Amino acid sequence: PEDEAPVQGPLPYEPDDAPWKKSSESGIRKL
């Protein structure tokens, strides 16, 4: 996982197409 993408955030590498990301944009943000 770490070798595939650099971790520059509070959470581990997550795809931008993550279902929780789409939902967080409208309401709760999981940051």
PDB file of N, CA and C in Angstrom:
ATOM      1  N   PRO A   1       0.835  -1.219   0.000  1.00  0.00           N
ATOM      2  CA  PRO A   1       0.000   0.000   0.000  1.00  0.00           C
ATOM      3  C   PRO A   1       0.862   1.259   0.000  1.00  0.00           C
ATOM      4  N   GLU A   2       1.810   1.320   0.925  1.00  0.00           N
ATOM      5  CA  GLU A   2       2.672   2.502   1.025  1.00  0.00           C
ATOM      6  C   GLU A   2       3.581   2.623  -0.198  1.00  0.00           C
ATOM      7  N   ASP A   3       3.930   1.485  -0.764  1.00  0.00           N
ATOM      8  CA  ASP A   3       4.811   1.497  -1.926  1.00  0.00           C
ATOM      9  C   ASP A   3       4.063   1.945  -3.175  1.00  0.00           C
ATOM     10  N   GLU A   4       2.756   1.753  -3.173  1.00  0.00           N
ATOM     11  CA  GLU A   4       1.953   2.110  -4.350  1.00  0.00           C
ATOM     12  C   GLU A   4       1.708   3.610  -4.417  1.00  0.00           C
ATOM     13  N   ALA A   5       1.542   4.237  -3.253  1.00  0.00           N
ATOM     14  CA  ALA A   5       1.262   5.674  -3.243  1.00  0.00           C
ATOM     15  C   ALA A   5       1.785   6.298  -1.953  1.00  0.00           C
ATOM     16  N   PRO A   6       2.311   7.515  -2.034  1.00  0.00           N
ATOM     17  CA  PRO A   6       2.836   8.223  -0.868  1.00  0.00           C
ATOM     18  C   PRO A   6       1.717   8.664   0.062  1.00  0.00           C
ATOM     19  N   VAL A   7       1.957   8.501   1.364  1.00  0.00           N
ATOM     20  CA  VAL A   7       0.931   8.887   2.329  1.00  0.00           C
ATOM     21  C   VAL A   7       1.204  10.300   2.832  1.00  0.00           C
ATOM     22  N   GLN A   8       0.443  11.252   2.346  1.00  0.00           N
ATOM     23  CA  GLN A   8       0.657  12.647   2.737  1.00  0.00           C
ATOM     24  C   GLN A   8      -0.580  13.220   3.418  1.00  0.00           C
ATOM     25  N   GLY A   9      -1.308  12.367   4.118  1.00  0.00           N
ATOM     26  CA  GLY A   9      -2.540  12.821   4.769  1.00  0.00           C
ATOM     27  C   GLY A   9      -2.737  12.129   6.108  1.00  0.00           C
ATOM     28  N   PRO A  10      -3.771  12.515   6.816  1.00  0.00           N
ATOM     29  CA  PRO A  10      -4.084  11.979   8.137  1.00  0.00           C
ATOM     30  C   PRO A  10      -4.514  10.517   8.063  1.00  0.00           C
ATOM     31  N   LEU A  11      -4.964  10.065   6.876  1.00  0.00           N
ATOM     32  CA  LEU A  11      -5.366   8.674   6.744  1.00  0.00           C
ATOM     33  C   LEU A  11      -4.524   7.985   5.698  1.00  0.00           C
ATOM     34  N   PRO A  12      -4.503   6.655   5.722  1.00  0.00           N
ATOM     35  CA  PRO A  12      -3.748   5.870   4.748  1.00  0.00           C
ATOM     36  C   PRO A  12      -4.256   6.110   3.334  1.00  0.00           C
ATOM     37  N   TYR A  13      -3.528   5.597   2.339  1.00  0.00           N
ATOM     38  CA  TYR A  13      -3.893   5.805   0.940  1.00  0.00           C
ATOM     39  C   TYR A  13      -5.315   5.330   0.664  1.00  0.00           C
ATOM     40  N   GLU A  14      -6.137   6.236   0.134  1.00  0.00           N
ATOM     41  CA  GLU A  14      -7.509   5.873  -0.231  1.00  0.00           C
ATOM     42  C   GLU A  14      -7.815   6.422  -1.620  1.00  0.00           C
ATOM     43  N   PRO A  15      -8.459   5.649  -2.461  1.00  0.00           N
ATOM     44  CA  PRO A  15      -8.829   6.100  -3.808  1.00  0.00           C
ATOM     45  C   PRO A  15      -9.828   7.243  -3.749  1.00  0.00           C
ATOM     46  N   ASP A  16      -9.723   8.178  -4.699  1.00  0.00           N
ATOM     47  CA  ASP A  16     -10.648   9.323  -4.720  1.00  0.00           C
ATOM     48  C   ASP A  16     -12.070   8.869  -5.020  1.00  0.00           C
ATOM     49  N   ASP A  17     -12.186   7.637  -5.494  1.00  0.00           N
ATOM     50  CA  ASP A  17     -13.505   7.111  -5.839  1.00  0.00           C
ATOM     51  C   ASP A  17     -14.134   6.369  -4.657  1.00  0.00           C
ATOM     52  N   ALA A  18     -13.543   6.568  -3.478  1.00  0.00           N
ATOM     53  CA  ALA A  18     -14.061   5.884  -2.291  1.00  0.00           C
ATOM     54  C   ALA A  18     -15.487   6.333  -1.987  1.00  0.00           C
ATOM     55  N   PRO A  19     -16.346   5.381  -1.629  1.00  0.00           N
ATOM     56  CA  PRO A  19     -17.764   5.684  -1.355  1.00  0.00           C
ATOM     57  C   PRO A  19     -17.927   6.651  -0.195  1.00  0.00           C
ATOM     58  N   TRP A  20     -17.059   6.549   0.799  1.00  0.00           N
ATOM     59  CA  TRP A  20     -17.190   7.431   1.969  1.00  0.00           C
ATOM     60  C   TRP A  20     -16.758   8.851   1.617  1.00  0.00           C
ATOM     61  N   LYS A  21     -15.924   8.973   0.602  1.00  0.00           N
ATOM     62  CA  LYS A  21     -15.492  10.313   0.196  1.00  0.00           C
ATOM     63  C   LYS A  21     -16.637  11.062  -0.479  1.00  0.00           C
ATOM     64  N   LYS A  22     -17.370  10.371  -1.334  1.00  0.00           N
ATOM     65  CA  LYS A  22     -18.495  10.993  -2.026  1.00  0.00           C
ATOM     66  C   LYS A  22     -19.548  11.439  -1.015  1.00  0.00           C
ATOM     67  N   SER A  23     -19.763  10.600   0.005  1.00  0.00           N
ATOM     68  CA  SER A  23     -20.790  10.897   1.001  1.00  0.00           C
ATOM     69  C   SER A  23     -20.311  12.004   1.932  1.00  0.00           C
ATOM     70  N   SER A  24     -18.992  12.030   2.195  1.00  0.00           N
ATOM     71  CA  SER A  24     -18.453  13.013   3.133  1.00  0.00           C
ATOM     72  C   SER A  24     -18.519  14.420   2.544  1.00  0.00           C
ATOM     73  N   GLU A  25     -18.439  14.517   1.225  1.00  0.00           N
ATOM     74  CA  GLU A  25     -18.466  15.830   0.582  1.00  0.00           C
ATOM     75  C   GLU A  25     -19.810  16.521   0.799  1.00  0.00           C
ATOM     76  N   SER A  26     -20.852  15.731   0.926  1.00  0.00           N
ATOM     77  CA  SER A  26     -22.196  16.290   1.072  1.00  0.00           C
ATOM     78  C   SER A  26     -22.513  16.579   2.537  1.00  0.00           C
ATOM     79  N   GLY A  27     -21.840  15.890   3.433  1.00  0.00           N
ATOM     80  CA  GLY A  27     -22.169  16.064   4.855  1.00  0.00           C
ATOM     81  C   GLY A  27     -20.957  15.866   5.740  1.00  0.00           C
ATOM     82  N   ILE A  28     -20.827  14.671   6.288  1.00  0.00           N
ATOM     83  CA  ILE A  28     -19.741  14.414   7.237  1.00  0.00           C
ATOM     84  C   ILE A  28     -18.423  14.200   6.488  1.00  0.00           C
ATOM     85  N   ARG A  29     -17.373  14.845   6.961  1.00  0.00           N
ATOM     86  CA  ARG A  29     -16.066  14.660   6.326  1.00  0.00           C
ATOM     87  C   ARG A  29     -15.191  13.768   7.199  1.00  0.00           C
ATOM     88  N   LYS A  30     -14.757  12.656   6.663  1.00  0.00           N
ATOM     89  CA  LYS A  30     -13.896  11.738   7.414  1.00  0.00           C
ATOM     90  C   LYS A  30     -12.439  12.123   7.185  1.00  0.00           C
ATOM     91  N   LEU A  31     -11.978  13.108   7.930  1.00  0.00           N
ATOM     92  CA  LEU A  31     -10.615  13.577   7.744  1.00  0.00           C
ATOM     93  C   LEU A  31      -9.827  13.355   9.023  1.00  0.00           C
TER      94      LEU A  31
END
